[in-house]
Amino acid sequence: MPAREVFEMATMEGAKALGIEKDVGSLEVGKKADFVALNLLDSSVAWEPNEREPQNAYSAIVYAASPQCVRETWIDGRSVYRNGIFRGGSESEIVSQAIRERKKLLARLD
């Protein structure tokens, strides 16, 4: 599949599938502002910027990026992770909250 299509499936279409597209899935005014900043110039990602082929960035994100590329994570407009350091709580608290949220999400799907 084309990388851009896969990216859209994981973001906008994923939010639609979960019934939460009014809150997440794209960066827009009024939505939660959940996003990650990636370092795609890491040596483990075979990608070089190319102005003539912007699709290459989608390919790098979808097919080559790994969790080690994540430099910063924002949830609901707040920075919660930056350069290996969890902010706003301990790692165990953040994992516990993620588990609670996953359970709520799965309950909505039933």
C-alpha atoms as a PDB file:
ATOM      1  CA  MET A   1       0.000   0.000   0.000  1.00  0.00           C
ATOM      2  CA  PRO A   2       1.161   3.566  -0.546  1.00  0.00           C
ATOM      3  CA  ALA A   3       2.726   4.957   2.631  1.00  0.00           C
ATOM      4  CA  ARG A   4       0.497   8.047   2.716  1.00  0.00           C
ATOM      5  CA  GLU A   5      -2.609   5.845   2.602  1.00  0.00           C
ATOM      6  CA  VAL A   6      -1.277   3.686   5.453  1.00  0.00           C
ATOM      7  CA  PHE A   7      -0.505   6.844   7.466  1.00  0.00           C
ATOM      8  CA  GLU A   8      -4.065   8.125   6.957  1.00  0.00           C
ATOM      9  CA  MET A   9      -5.466   4.732   7.969  1.00  0.00           C
ATOM     10  CA  ALA A  10      -3.491   4.903  11.216  1.00  0.00           C
ATOM     11  CA  THR A  11      -4.535   8.478  12.013  1.00  0.00           C
ATOM     12  CA  MET A  12      -7.758   9.880  10.558  1.00  0.00           C
ATOM     13  CA  GLU A  13      -9.311   6.575   9.523  1.00  0.00           C
ATOM     14  CA  GLY A  14      -8.269   4.933  12.798  1.00  0.00           C
ATOM     15  CA  ALA A  15     -10.039   7.661  14.750  1.00  0.00           C
ATOM     16  CA  LYS A  16     -13.165   7.186  12.613  1.00  0.00           C
ATOM     17  CA  ALA A  17     -13.098   3.427  13.171  1.00  0.00           C
ATOM     18  CA  LEU A  18     -12.974   4.010  16.928  1.00  0.00           C
ATOM     19  CA  GLY A  19     -15.719   6.645  16.807  1.00  0.00           C
ATOM     20  CA  ILE A  20     -13.464   9.377  18.210  1.00  0.00           C
ATOM     21  CA  GLU A  21     -12.767  11.398  15.049  1.00  0.00           C
ATOM     22  CA  LYS A  22     -14.294  14.546  16.591  1.00  0.00           C
ATOM     23  CA  ASP A  23     -11.507  14.541  19.189  1.00  0.00           C
ATOM     24  CA  VAL A  24      -8.453  12.994  17.509  1.00  0.00           C
ATOM     25  CA  GLY A  25      -7.049  11.758  14.211  1.00  0.00           C
ATOM     26  CA  SER A  26      -5.827  15.055  12.781  1.00  0.00           C
ATOM     27  CA  LEU A  27      -4.322  18.291  14.055  1.00  0.00           C
ATOM     28  CA  GLU A  28      -7.150  20.816  14.004  1.00  0.00           C
ATOM     29  CA  VAL A  29      -8.424  23.608  16.227  1.00  0.00           C
ATOM     30  CA  GLY A  30     -10.664  22.101  18.893  1.00  0.00           C
ATOM     31  CA  LYS A  31      -9.145  18.622  18.800  1.00  0.00           C
ATOM     32  CA  LYS A  32      -6.931  17.149  21.522  1.00  0.00           C
ATOM     33  CA  ALA A  33      -3.538  17.856  19.910  1.00  0.00           C
ATOM     34  CA  ASP A  34      -2.079  14.372  20.326  1.00  0.00           C
ATOM     35  CA  PHE A  35       1.105  13.984  18.290  1.00  0.00           C
ATOM     36  CA  VAL A  36       4.693  12.800  18.294  1.00  0.00           C
ATOM     37  CA  ALA A  37       7.896  14.427  17.074  1.00  0.00           C
ATOM     38  CA  LEU A  38      10.188  11.991  15.274  1.00  0.00           C
ATOM     39  CA  ASN A  39      13.873  12.080  14.420  1.00  0.00           C
ATOM     40  CA  LEU A  40      13.858  10.657  10.890  1.00  0.00           C
ATOM     41  CA  LEU A  41      17.517  11.455  10.373  1.00  0.00           C
ATOM     42  CA  ASP A  42      18.527   8.690  12.771  1.00  0.00           C
ATOM     43  CA  SER A  43      20.928   6.268  11.105  1.00  0.00           C
ATOM     44  CA  SER A  44      18.435   3.389  11.502  1.00  0.00           C
ATOM     45  CA  VAL A  45      15.934   5.122   9.191  1.00  0.00           C
ATOM     46  CA  ALA A  46      16.841   4.961   5.511  1.00  0.00           C
ATOM     47  CA  TRP A  47      15.455   8.369   4.535  1.00  0.00           C
ATOM     48  CA  GLU A  48      16.847  11.553   3.133  1.00  0.00           C
ATOM     49  CA  PRO A  49      14.749  14.704   2.724  1.00  0.00           C
ATOM     50  CA  ASN A  50      13.793  15.330  -0.880  1.00  0.00           C
ATOM     51  CA  GLU A  51      11.692  18.361  -1.804  1.00  0.00           C
ATOM     52  CA  ARG A  52      10.578  16.749  -5.067  1.00  0.00           C
ATOM     53  CA  GLU A  53       9.280  13.605  -3.323  1.00  0.00           C
ATOM     54  CA  PRO A  54       7.396  14.555  -0.148  1.00  0.00           C
ATOM     55  CA  GLN A  55       5.972  11.024  -0.099  1.00  0.00           C
ATOM     56  CA  ASN A  56       9.392   9.875   1.149  1.00  0.00           C
ATOM     57  CA  ALA A  57       8.589  11.294   4.590  1.00  0.00           C
ATOM     58  CA  TYR A  58       5.443   9.137   4.764  1.00  0.00           C
ATOM     59  CA  SER A  59       7.485   6.102   3.689  1.00  0.00           C
ATOM     60  CA  ALA A  60      10.063   6.777   6.396  1.00  0.00           C
ATOM     61  CA  ILE A  61       7.377   7.131   9.069  1.00  0.00           C
ATOM     62  CA  VAL A  62       5.311   4.118   8.001  1.00  0.00           C
ATOM     63  CA  TYR A  63       7.939   1.644   6.867  1.00  0.00           C
ATOM     64  CA  ALA A  64      11.220   2.590   8.553  1.00  0.00           C
ATOM     65  CA  ALA A  65      10.607   4.548  11.780  1.00  0.00           C
ATOM     66  CA  SER A  66      10.830   2.739  15.099  1.00  0.00           C
ATOM     67  CA  PRO A  67       9.995   3.695  18.686  1.00  0.00           C
ATOM     68  CA  GLN A  68      13.604   4.867  19.043  1.00  0.00           C
ATOM     69  CA  CYS A  69      12.808   7.674  16.557  1.00  0.00           C
ATOM     70  CA  VAL A  70      10.291   9.249  18.974  1.00  0.00           C
ATOM     71  CA  ARG A  71      11.764  12.395  20.502  1.00  0.00           C
ATOM     72  CA  GLU A  72       8.659  13.973  22.011  1.00  0.00           C
ATOM     73  CA  THR A  73       5.046  12.975  22.643  1.00  0.00           C
ATOM     74  CA  TRP A  74       2.175  15.375  23.242  1.00  0.00           C
ATOM     75  CA  ILE A  75      -1.213  14.313  24.587  1.00  0.00           C
ATOM     76  CA  ASP A  76      -4.110  16.745  24.721  1.00  0.00           C
ATOM     77  CA  GLY A  77      -1.699  19.585  24.019  1.00  0.00           C
ATOM     78  CA  ARG A  78       0.683  18.694  26.879  1.00  0.00           C
ATOM     79  CA  SER A  79       4.202  17.369  26.529  1.00  0.00           C
ATOM     80  CA  VAL A  80       4.347  13.997  28.306  1.00  0.00           C
ATOM     81  CA  TYR A  81       7.633  12.614  26.968  1.00  0.00           C
ATOM     82  CA  ARG A  82      10.780  14.335  25.768  1.00  0.00           C
ATOM     83  CA  ASN A  83      14.162  12.842  24.868  1.00  0.00           C
ATOM     84  CA  GLY A  84      13.760   9.754  27.042  1.00  0.00           C
ATOM     85  CA  ILE A  85      12.168  11.487  30.025  1.00  0.00           C
ATOM     86  CA  PHE A  86       8.515  11.078  31.002  1.00  0.00           C
ATOM     87  CA  ARG A  87       6.970  14.343  32.176  1.00  0.00           C
ATOM     88  CA  GLY A  88       3.927  14.840  34.380  1.00  0.00           C
ATOM     89  CA  GLY A  89       4.186  11.568  36.267  1.00  0.00           C
ATOM     90  CA  SER A  90       6.219   8.442  36.689  1.00  0.00           C
ATOM     91  CA  GLU A  91       6.451   5.877  33.953  1.00  0.00           C
ATOM     92  CA  SER A  92       4.349   3.442  36.015  1.00  0.00           C
ATOM     93  CA  GLU A  93       1.612   6.075  36.521  1.00  0.00           C
ATOM     94  CA  ILE A  94       1.550   6.811  32.803  1.00  0.00           C
ATOM     95  CA  VAL A  95       1.359   3.093  31.948  1.00  0.00           C
ATOM     96  CA  SER A  96      -1.465   2.611  34.488  1.00  0.00           C
ATOM     97  CA  GLN A  97      -3.388   5.494  32.953  1.00  0.00           C
ATOM     98  CA  ALA A  98      -2.837   4.066  29.462  1.00  0.00           C
ATOM     99  CA  ILE A  99      -4.216   0.698  30.593  1.00  0.00           C
ATOM    100  CA  ARG A 100      -7.312   2.406  32.061  1.00  0.00           C
ATOM    101  CA  GLU A 101      -7.865   4.341  28.842  1.00  0.00           C
ATOM    102  CA  ARG A 102      -7.444   1.195  26.756  1.00  0.00           C
ATOM    103  CA  LYS A 103     -10.116  -0.549  28.847  1.00  0.00           C
ATOM    104  CA  LYS A 104     -12.505   2.392  28.312  1.00  0.00           C
ATOM    105  CA  LEU A 105     -11.845   2.304  24.579  1.00  0.00           C
ATOM    106  CA  LEU A 106     -12.427  -1.441  24.356  1.00  0.00           C
ATOM    107  CA  ALA A 107     -15.669  -1.076  26.350  1.00  0.00           C
ATOM    108  CA  ARG A 108     -16.914   1.489  23.824  1.00  0.00           C
ATOM    109  CA  LEU A 109     -16.209  -0.923  20.976  1.00  0.00           C
ATOM    110  CA  ASP A 110     -18.328  -3.734  22.499  1.00  0.00           C
END
